[in-house]
N, C-alpha and C. Protein backbone atom coordinates (compact mmCIF):
# COMPACT_ATOMS: atom_id res chain seq x y z
N MET A 1 2.77 2.23 -9.81
CA MET A 1 2.68 0.84 -10.21
C MET A 1 1.24 0.53 -10.59
N GLU A 2 1.09 -0.23 -11.64
CA GLU A 2 -0.24 -0.64 -12.07
C GLU A 2 -0.52 -2.04 -11.52
N ALA A 3 -1.81 -2.36 -11.45
CA ALA A 3 -2.23 -3.63 -10.86
C ALA A 3 -1.60 -4.83 -11.58
N LYS A 4 -1.53 -4.78 -12.91
CA LYS A 4 -0.99 -5.93 -13.65
C LYS A 4 0.49 -6.17 -13.37
N GLU A 5 1.21 -5.14 -12.94
CA GLU A 5 2.64 -5.27 -12.63
C GLU A 5 2.89 -6.03 -11.33
N VAL A 6 1.85 -6.20 -10.51
CA VAL A 6 1.99 -6.90 -9.23
C VAL A 6 2.39 -8.35 -9.45
N ARG A 7 1.95 -8.92 -10.55
CA ARG A 7 2.30 -10.33 -10.85
C ARG A 7 3.81 -10.51 -11.01
N ASN A 8 4.52 -9.43 -11.37
CA ASN A 8 5.98 -9.51 -11.57
C ASN A 8 6.76 -9.41 -10.27
N LEU A 9 6.11 -9.01 -9.18
CA LEU A 9 6.79 -8.92 -7.89
C LEU A 9 7.04 -10.32 -7.35
N PRO A 10 8.03 -10.47 -6.47
CA PRO A 10 8.20 -11.78 -5.80
C PRO A 10 7.03 -11.99 -4.84
N TRP A 11 6.61 -13.24 -4.69
CA TRP A 11 5.49 -13.58 -3.82
C TRP A 11 6.00 -14.40 -2.64
N LYS A 12 5.32 -14.27 -1.51
CA LYS A 12 5.74 -14.99 -0.30
C LYS A 12 4.51 -15.37 0.51
N GLU A 13 4.73 -16.27 1.46
CA GLU A 13 3.66 -16.65 2.39
C GLU A 13 3.42 -15.53 3.39
N VAL A 14 2.20 -15.44 3.89
CA VAL A 14 1.90 -14.49 4.95
C VAL A 14 2.53 -15.05 6.22
N GLU A 15 3.39 -14.26 6.84
CA GLU A 15 4.12 -14.74 8.01
C GLU A 15 3.42 -14.40 9.32
N ASP A 16 2.78 -13.27 9.39
CA ASP A 16 2.19 -12.80 10.64
C ASP A 16 0.66 -13.00 10.62
N TRP A 17 0.21 -13.96 11.37
CA TRP A 17 -1.23 -14.24 11.48
C TRP A 17 -1.77 -13.79 12.84
N SER A 18 -1.03 -12.97 13.55
CA SER A 18 -1.44 -12.58 14.90
C SER A 18 -2.74 -11.77 14.92
N ALA A 19 -3.10 -11.14 13.81
CA ALA A 19 -4.33 -10.34 13.76
C ALA A 19 -5.56 -11.19 13.41
N LEU A 20 -5.37 -12.48 13.24
CA LEU A 20 -6.51 -13.36 12.95
C LEU A 20 -7.36 -13.53 14.20
N CYS A 21 -8.61 -13.14 14.10
CA CYS A 21 -9.52 -13.22 15.25
C CYS A 21 -10.10 -14.62 15.39
N MET A 22 -10.60 -14.89 16.57
CA MET A 22 -11.29 -16.15 16.85
C MET A 22 -12.66 -15.80 17.44
N THR A 23 -13.65 -15.71 16.57
CA THR A 23 -14.98 -15.33 17.06
C THR A 23 -15.83 -16.53 17.43
N GLY A 24 -15.44 -17.69 16.96
CA GLY A 24 -16.20 -18.89 17.31
C GLY A 24 -15.87 -19.33 18.73
N LYS A 25 -16.88 -19.86 19.42
CA LYS A 25 -16.62 -20.35 20.77
C LYS A 25 -17.58 -21.48 21.13
N THR A 26 -17.09 -22.33 21.97
CA THR A 26 -17.91 -23.41 22.52
C THR A 26 -18.24 -23.01 23.95
N VAL A 27 -19.51 -23.10 24.28
CA VAL A 27 -19.98 -22.69 25.60
C VAL A 27 -20.47 -23.93 26.34
N ASN A 28 -20.13 -24.02 27.64
CA ASN A 28 -20.58 -25.16 28.42
C ASN A 28 -22.00 -24.92 28.96
N PHE A 29 -22.48 -25.85 29.72
CA PHE A 29 -23.85 -25.82 30.27
C PHE A 29 -24.11 -24.55 31.07
N TRP A 30 -23.11 -24.02 31.74
CA TRP A 30 -23.27 -22.84 32.59
C TRP A 30 -23.05 -21.52 31.85
N GLY A 31 -22.81 -21.59 30.53
CA GLY A 31 -22.64 -20.38 29.73
C GLY A 31 -21.22 -19.85 29.68
N HIS A 32 -20.28 -20.61 30.18
CA HIS A 32 -18.88 -20.19 30.14
C HIS A 32 -18.22 -20.67 28.84
N THR A 33 -17.38 -19.82 28.29
CA THR A 33 -16.65 -20.19 27.08
C THR A 33 -15.60 -21.24 27.43
N VAL A 34 -15.69 -22.37 26.74
CA VAL A 34 -14.77 -23.46 26.99
C VAL A 34 -13.62 -23.43 25.98
N LYS A 35 -13.95 -23.18 24.74
CA LYS A 35 -12.95 -23.24 23.68
C LYS A 35 -13.26 -22.17 22.65
N ARG A 36 -12.22 -21.51 22.16
CA ARG A 36 -12.38 -20.53 21.09
C ARG A 36 -11.80 -21.13 19.81
N TYR A 37 -12.39 -20.76 18.68
CA TYR A 37 -11.89 -21.26 17.42
C TYR A 37 -12.09 -20.23 16.31
N VAL A 38 -11.41 -20.49 15.19
CA VAL A 38 -11.41 -19.60 14.03
C VAL A 38 -12.49 -20.05 13.06
N THR A 39 -13.34 -19.11 12.65
CA THR A 39 -14.39 -19.41 11.67
C THR A 39 -13.94 -19.00 10.27
N GLN A 40 -14.70 -19.41 9.27
CA GLN A 40 -14.39 -19.02 7.91
C GLN A 40 -14.52 -17.51 7.75
N GLU A 41 -15.47 -16.92 8.42
CA GLU A 41 -15.62 -15.46 8.37
C GLU A 41 -14.39 -14.77 8.95
N ASP A 42 -13.83 -15.32 10.02
CA ASP A 42 -12.60 -14.76 10.60
C ASP A 42 -11.47 -14.76 9.57
N VAL A 43 -11.32 -15.88 8.88
CA VAL A 43 -10.26 -16.01 7.86
C VAL A 43 -10.50 -15.02 6.74
N ASP A 44 -11.75 -14.92 6.26
CA ASP A 44 -12.06 -14.01 5.15
C ASP A 44 -11.81 -12.54 5.53
N ILE A 45 -12.14 -12.16 6.74
CA ILE A 45 -11.89 -10.78 7.20
C ILE A 45 -10.39 -10.53 7.28
N PHE A 46 -9.64 -11.48 7.80
CA PHE A 46 -8.18 -11.34 7.89
C PHE A 46 -7.58 -11.16 6.50
N VAL A 47 -7.98 -12.01 5.56
CA VAL A 47 -7.45 -11.94 4.20
C VAL A 47 -7.80 -10.60 3.56
N SER A 48 -9.02 -10.15 3.76
CA SER A 48 -9.44 -8.87 3.21
C SER A 48 -8.59 -7.72 3.75
N ARG A 49 -8.30 -7.76 5.03
CA ARG A 49 -7.45 -6.71 5.63
C ARG A 49 -6.03 -6.74 5.07
N ILE A 50 -5.49 -7.93 4.92
CA ILE A 50 -4.14 -8.07 4.35
C ILE A 50 -4.12 -7.51 2.93
N PHE A 51 -5.11 -7.87 2.13
CA PHE A 51 -5.18 -7.39 0.75
C PHE A 51 -5.35 -5.88 0.70
N ASN A 52 -6.15 -5.31 1.60
CA ASN A 52 -6.32 -3.86 1.66
C ASN A 52 -5.01 -3.17 1.99
N ASP A 53 -4.27 -3.73 2.95
CA ASP A 53 -2.97 -3.15 3.32
C ASP A 53 -2.01 -3.13 2.13
N ILE A 54 -2.00 -4.20 1.37
CA ILE A 54 -1.13 -4.29 0.21
C ILE A 54 -1.53 -3.24 -0.83
N ALA A 55 -2.83 -3.11 -1.06
CA ALA A 55 -3.32 -2.11 -2.02
C ALA A 55 -2.89 -0.71 -1.61
N LYS A 56 -2.96 -0.41 -0.32
CA LYS A 56 -2.55 0.92 0.16
C LYS A 56 -1.06 1.13 -0.03
N LYS A 57 -0.25 0.12 0.29
CA LYS A 57 1.20 0.25 0.15
C LYS A 57 1.60 0.45 -1.31
N LEU A 58 0.90 -0.24 -2.20
CA LEU A 58 1.22 -0.14 -3.62
C LEU A 58 0.51 1.03 -4.30
N LYS A 59 -0.38 1.69 -3.56
CA LYS A 59 -1.17 2.80 -4.10
C LYS A 59 -1.95 2.38 -5.34
N ILE A 60 -2.58 1.21 -5.22
CA ILE A 60 -3.43 0.66 -6.28
C ILE A 60 -4.82 0.50 -5.70
N PRO A 61 -5.87 0.89 -6.42
CA PRO A 61 -7.22 0.70 -5.89
C PRO A 61 -7.47 -0.78 -5.57
N TYR A 62 -8.09 -1.01 -4.42
CA TYR A 62 -8.36 -2.38 -3.96
C TYR A 62 -9.14 -3.17 -5.00
N GLU A 63 -10.11 -2.52 -5.65
CA GLU A 63 -10.96 -3.20 -6.63
C GLU A 63 -10.14 -3.69 -7.83
N ASP A 64 -9.06 -2.99 -8.17
CA ASP A 64 -8.19 -3.41 -9.28
C ASP A 64 -7.24 -4.52 -8.87
N LEU A 65 -6.80 -4.49 -7.61
CA LEU A 65 -5.81 -5.44 -7.14
C LEU A 65 -6.41 -6.77 -6.70
N LYS A 66 -7.61 -6.74 -6.14
CA LYS A 66 -8.22 -7.95 -5.57
C LYS A 66 -8.31 -9.12 -6.56
N PRO A 67 -8.75 -8.90 -7.81
CA PRO A 67 -8.80 -10.05 -8.73
C PRO A 67 -7.45 -10.72 -8.94
N ILE A 68 -6.38 -9.95 -8.94
CA ILE A 68 -5.05 -10.52 -9.12
C ILE A 68 -4.66 -11.33 -7.89
N LEU A 69 -4.89 -10.77 -6.71
CA LEU A 69 -4.57 -11.49 -5.47
C LEU A 69 -5.41 -12.75 -5.35
N ASP A 70 -6.68 -12.67 -5.73
CA ASP A 70 -7.55 -13.85 -5.68
C ASP A 70 -7.07 -14.94 -6.62
N SER A 71 -6.69 -14.56 -7.85
CA SER A 71 -6.25 -15.58 -8.81
C SER A 71 -4.94 -16.24 -8.38
N GLU A 72 -4.06 -15.46 -7.75
CA GLU A 72 -2.80 -16.03 -7.26
C GLU A 72 -3.03 -16.95 -6.06
N ASN A 73 -4.17 -16.81 -5.40
CA ASN A 73 -4.46 -17.60 -4.21
C ASN A 73 -5.54 -18.65 -4.44
N GLY A 74 -5.64 -19.13 -5.66
CA GLY A 74 -6.60 -20.19 -5.98
C GLY A 74 -6.48 -21.40 -5.05
N PRO A 75 -5.26 -21.91 -4.81
CA PRO A 75 -5.12 -23.05 -3.91
C PRO A 75 -5.58 -22.74 -2.48
N PHE A 76 -5.36 -21.51 -2.03
CA PHE A 76 -5.81 -21.12 -0.69
C PHE A 76 -7.33 -21.19 -0.60
N TYR A 77 -8.01 -20.58 -1.58
CA TYR A 77 -9.48 -20.57 -1.54
C TYR A 77 -10.06 -21.97 -1.71
N ALA A 78 -9.41 -22.81 -2.52
CA ALA A 78 -9.88 -24.19 -2.68
C ALA A 78 -9.76 -24.95 -1.36
N MET A 79 -8.63 -24.81 -0.69
CA MET A 79 -8.43 -25.49 0.59
C MET A 79 -9.39 -24.94 1.64
N GLU A 80 -9.57 -23.62 1.66
CA GLU A 80 -10.50 -23.02 2.63
C GLU A 80 -11.91 -23.58 2.44
N GLY A 81 -12.34 -23.69 1.20
CA GLY A 81 -13.67 -24.24 0.91
C GLY A 81 -13.81 -25.69 1.39
N ARG A 82 -12.79 -26.50 1.13
CA ARG A 82 -12.84 -27.90 1.55
C ARG A 82 -12.86 -28.02 3.08
N ILE A 83 -12.03 -27.22 3.75
CA ILE A 83 -11.95 -27.30 5.21
C ILE A 83 -13.26 -26.89 5.86
N PHE A 84 -13.79 -25.74 5.47
CA PHE A 84 -14.99 -25.23 6.13
C PHE A 84 -16.27 -25.91 5.64
N GLU A 85 -16.14 -26.76 4.64
CA GLU A 85 -17.27 -27.57 4.21
C GLU A 85 -17.52 -28.69 5.22
N ILE A 86 -16.46 -29.16 5.86
CA ILE A 86 -16.60 -30.29 6.78
C ILE A 86 -16.56 -29.88 8.26
N CYS A 87 -16.13 -28.64 8.56
CA CYS A 87 -16.12 -28.22 9.95
C CYS A 87 -16.44 -26.74 10.06
N TYR A 88 -17.02 -26.36 11.18
CA TYR A 88 -17.44 -24.98 11.38
C TYR A 88 -16.30 -24.08 11.81
N GLY A 89 -15.35 -24.61 12.55
CA GLY A 89 -14.26 -23.79 13.05
C GLY A 89 -12.97 -24.57 13.18
N LEU A 90 -11.88 -23.83 13.28
CA LEU A 90 -10.56 -24.42 13.40
C LEU A 90 -9.91 -23.99 14.70
N LEU A 91 -9.22 -24.92 15.32
CA LEU A 91 -8.48 -24.60 16.53
C LEU A 91 -7.29 -23.70 16.17
N PRO A 92 -6.98 -22.74 17.04
CA PRO A 92 -5.92 -21.79 16.70
C PRO A 92 -4.55 -22.43 16.45
N ASN A 93 -4.28 -23.57 17.03
CA ASN A 93 -3.00 -24.24 16.81
C ASN A 93 -3.17 -25.57 16.08
N GLY A 94 -4.30 -25.72 15.42
CA GLY A 94 -4.60 -26.98 14.74
C GLY A 94 -3.86 -27.13 13.42
N ARG A 95 -3.73 -28.37 12.99
CA ARG A 95 -2.99 -28.65 11.77
C ARG A 95 -3.70 -28.13 10.52
N ARG A 96 -5.02 -28.14 10.52
CA ARG A 96 -5.75 -27.63 9.35
C ARG A 96 -5.52 -26.14 9.16
N LEU A 97 -5.56 -25.39 10.26
CA LEU A 97 -5.32 -23.94 10.16
C LEU A 97 -3.89 -23.68 9.72
N ARG A 98 -2.92 -24.41 10.25
CA ARG A 98 -1.53 -24.24 9.84
C ARG A 98 -1.35 -24.53 8.35
N ALA A 99 -2.00 -25.58 7.89
CA ALA A 99 -1.91 -25.92 6.46
C ALA A 99 -2.53 -24.82 5.60
N LEU A 100 -3.65 -24.28 6.05
CA LEU A 100 -4.30 -23.20 5.32
C LEU A 100 -3.42 -21.95 5.29
N GLN A 101 -2.80 -21.65 6.42
CA GLN A 101 -1.93 -20.48 6.52
C GLN A 101 -0.75 -20.57 5.55
N LYS A 102 -0.25 -21.76 5.32
CA LYS A 102 0.91 -21.93 4.45
C LYS A 102 0.58 -21.71 2.97
N THR A 103 -0.71 -21.69 2.62
CA THR A 103 -1.07 -21.54 1.21
C THR A 103 -1.41 -20.11 0.81
N LEU A 104 -1.62 -19.20 1.77
CA LEU A 104 -1.94 -17.82 1.43
C LEU A 104 -0.67 -17.09 1.01
N ARG A 105 -0.69 -16.53 -0.20
CA ARG A 105 0.49 -15.85 -0.75
C ARG A 105 0.16 -14.39 -1.04
N ILE A 106 1.15 -13.53 -0.81
CA ILE A 106 1.00 -12.11 -1.09
C ILE A 106 2.26 -11.61 -1.79
N PRO A 107 2.14 -10.50 -2.53
CA PRO A 107 3.36 -9.95 -3.14
C PRO A 107 4.27 -9.38 -2.06
N ASP A 108 5.56 -9.56 -2.24
CA ASP A 108 6.54 -9.06 -1.27
C ASP A 108 6.75 -7.57 -1.54
N VAL A 109 6.17 -6.75 -0.67
CA VAL A 109 6.28 -5.29 -0.82
C VAL A 109 7.30 -4.70 0.14
N SER A 110 8.07 -5.54 0.82
CA SER A 110 9.03 -5.04 1.80
C SER A 110 10.09 -4.16 1.15
N ALA A 111 10.51 -4.49 -0.05
CA ALA A 111 11.52 -3.67 -0.73
C ALA A 111 10.94 -2.31 -1.11
N LEU A 112 9.64 -2.26 -1.37
CA LEU A 112 9.01 -1.00 -1.74
C LEU A 112 8.86 -0.08 -0.54
N ASP A 113 8.84 -0.64 0.66
CA ASP A 113 8.70 0.17 1.87
C ASP A 113 9.95 0.97 2.16
N GLN A 114 11.10 0.50 1.70
CA GLN A 114 12.36 1.16 2.00
C GLN A 114 12.74 2.08 0.85
N THR A 115 12.02 3.19 0.73
CA THR A 115 12.31 4.14 -0.34
C THR A 115 13.55 4.94 0.01
N ASP A 116 14.37 5.16 -0.98
CA ASP A 116 15.60 5.90 -0.79
C ASP A 116 15.28 7.39 -0.90
N PRO A 117 15.57 8.18 0.15
CA PRO A 117 15.26 9.60 0.08
C PRO A 117 16.01 10.33 -1.02
N THR A 118 17.15 9.79 -1.44
CA THR A 118 17.89 10.46 -2.51
C THR A 118 17.14 10.37 -3.83
N ASP A 119 16.26 9.38 -3.99
CA ASP A 119 15.45 9.30 -5.19
C ASP A 119 14.53 10.51 -5.28
N LYS A 120 13.96 10.92 -4.16
CA LYS A 120 13.08 12.09 -4.14
C LYS A 120 13.88 13.35 -4.45
N VAL A 121 15.07 13.44 -3.88
CA VAL A 121 15.92 14.61 -4.12
C VAL A 121 16.30 14.65 -5.60
N GLY A 122 16.66 13.52 -6.14
CA GLY A 122 17.02 13.45 -7.56
C GLY A 122 15.86 13.87 -8.45
N ALA A 123 14.66 13.43 -8.08
CA ALA A 123 13.48 13.81 -8.87
C ALA A 123 13.25 15.32 -8.80
N CYS A 124 13.46 15.91 -7.63
CA CYS A 124 13.29 17.37 -7.49
C CYS A 124 14.33 18.12 -8.31
N VAL A 125 15.57 17.66 -8.26
CA VAL A 125 16.64 18.31 -9.03
C VAL A 125 16.32 18.25 -10.52
N LYS A 126 15.85 17.10 -10.96
CA LYS A 126 15.51 16.94 -12.37
C LYS A 126 14.41 17.90 -12.78
N GLN A 127 13.38 18.01 -11.94
CA GLN A 127 12.29 18.94 -12.23
C GLN A 127 12.79 20.38 -12.21
N PHE A 128 13.66 20.70 -11.28
CA PHE A 128 14.20 22.07 -11.19
C PHE A 128 14.97 22.41 -12.46
N GLN A 129 15.74 21.46 -12.97
CA GLN A 129 16.53 21.70 -14.17
C GLN A 129 15.65 21.93 -15.40
N GLU A 130 14.46 21.41 -15.37
CA GLU A 130 13.55 21.56 -16.51
C GLU A 130 12.82 22.91 -16.50
N LEU A 131 12.94 23.67 -15.42
CA LEU A 131 12.29 24.97 -15.32
C LEU A 131 13.03 26.01 -16.16
N SER A 132 12.30 27.03 -16.59
CA SER A 132 12.94 28.16 -17.27
C SER A 132 13.67 28.99 -16.21
N ASP A 133 14.50 29.91 -16.65
CA ASP A 133 15.25 30.74 -15.70
C ASP A 133 14.30 31.55 -14.82
N LEU A 134 13.26 32.08 -15.39
CA LEU A 134 12.29 32.86 -14.62
C LEU A 134 11.59 31.97 -13.58
N GLU A 135 11.21 30.77 -13.98
CA GLU A 135 10.56 29.84 -13.04
C GLU A 135 11.51 29.44 -11.92
N LYS A 136 12.79 29.28 -12.23
CA LYS A 136 13.79 28.95 -11.21
C LYS A 136 13.89 30.07 -10.18
N VAL A 137 13.91 31.30 -10.66
CA VAL A 137 13.99 32.45 -9.74
C VAL A 137 12.74 32.50 -8.86
N ILE A 138 11.58 32.29 -9.45
CA ILE A 138 10.33 32.30 -8.67
C ILE A 138 10.35 31.19 -7.63
N PHE A 139 10.81 30.00 -8.01
CA PHE A 139 10.88 28.88 -7.07
C PHE A 139 11.83 29.20 -5.92
N LEU A 140 13.02 29.67 -6.23
CA LEU A 140 14.00 29.99 -5.19
C LEU A 140 13.50 31.09 -4.27
N GLU A 141 12.75 32.03 -4.83
CA GLU A 141 12.19 33.10 -4.02
C GLU A 141 11.13 32.54 -3.07
N ARG A 142 10.31 31.64 -3.56
CA ARG A 142 9.24 31.06 -2.73
C ARG A 142 9.78 30.22 -1.58
N ILE A 143 10.90 29.54 -1.78
CA ILE A 143 11.44 28.74 -0.69
C ILE A 143 12.38 29.54 0.19
N GLY A 144 12.51 30.83 -0.10
CA GLY A 144 13.27 31.72 0.77
C GLY A 144 14.76 31.70 0.57
N LYS A 145 15.25 31.21 -0.56
CA LYS A 145 16.69 31.15 -0.81
C LYS A 145 17.22 32.41 -1.48
N VAL A 146 16.37 33.12 -2.17
CA VAL A 146 16.78 34.37 -2.78
C VAL A 146 15.68 35.40 -2.58
N SER A 147 16.08 36.62 -2.66
CA SER A 147 15.11 37.71 -2.59
C SER A 147 15.33 38.57 -3.82
N VAL A 148 14.31 38.68 -4.58
CA VAL A 148 14.42 39.42 -5.82
C VAL A 148 13.57 40.67 -5.70
N LYS A 149 14.21 41.79 -5.97
CA LYS A 149 13.50 43.07 -5.93
C LYS A 149 13.68 43.71 -7.29
N VAL A 150 12.60 43.96 -7.96
CA VAL A 150 12.67 44.56 -9.28
C VAL A 150 12.26 46.02 -9.15
N GLU A 151 13.17 46.90 -9.55
CA GLU A 151 12.88 48.33 -9.51
C GLU A 151 13.04 48.88 -10.92
N THR A 152 12.20 49.79 -11.23
CA THR A 152 12.33 50.43 -12.53
C THR A 152 12.66 51.89 -12.30
N CYS A 153 13.46 52.40 -13.15
CA CYS A 153 13.76 53.81 -13.04
C CYS A 153 13.63 54.42 -14.42
N ALA A 154 13.06 55.55 -14.43
CA ALA A 154 12.87 56.24 -15.70
C ALA A 154 14.06 57.15 -15.94
N LYS A 155 14.71 56.98 -17.04
CA LYS A 155 15.84 57.82 -17.40
C LYS A 155 15.32 59.06 -18.10
N ASP A 156 16.05 60.08 -17.88
CA ASP A 156 15.69 61.29 -18.62
C ASP A 156 16.11 61.11 -20.06
N VAL A 157 15.13 61.18 -20.89
CA VAL A 157 15.38 61.01 -22.30
C VAL A 157 15.44 62.42 -22.92
N PRO A 158 16.52 62.72 -23.61
CA PRO A 158 16.59 64.05 -24.20
C PRO A 158 15.50 64.26 -25.24
N LYS A 159 14.92 65.40 -25.18
CA LYS A 159 13.88 65.72 -26.13
C LYS A 159 14.52 66.15 -27.43
N THR A 160 13.95 65.68 -28.45
CA THR A 160 14.43 66.09 -29.76
C THR A 160 13.43 67.05 -30.38
N THR A 161 13.94 67.95 -31.10
CA THR A 161 13.04 68.90 -31.75
C THR A 161 12.97 68.56 -33.22
N GLU A 162 11.83 68.62 -33.68
CA GLU A 162 11.65 68.31 -35.09
C GLU A 162 11.47 69.63 -35.84
N ASN A 163 12.01 69.70 -36.95
CA ASN A 163 11.86 70.90 -37.76
C ASN A 163 10.80 70.76 -38.75
């Protein structure tokens, strides 16, 4: 699959945000963490990881895929900019974070994960059929299905006398 073909896939919201870290924290007078929150850097790292995973699943270089994912997520980046312009961090169950989460979209690659093994077998059969007879014998010999032994024997050829 090429990067430009990703636009033709169905797109969906990111459902699993459990890997989103919360590195921001509020500390009280005694140095104890009182509250943890999500920073813009946390969100950017999470998004980068999601995009990398998609690139690996689709076997497309990240550098080729990222511009497409970024352009499809214009509303996400616009909202992220507005939110983090007015606050440093978001509460993990806050309404702003939930609203932001609903705007991140990714291509649905779930159907691509379920490859049919018969497709691979069919591809192998097709390639096998394209081989010459000699190549087929060599292939079958290499996988241990046939054993070919070539022996030559010299026949006694009657000598002719020339006059």
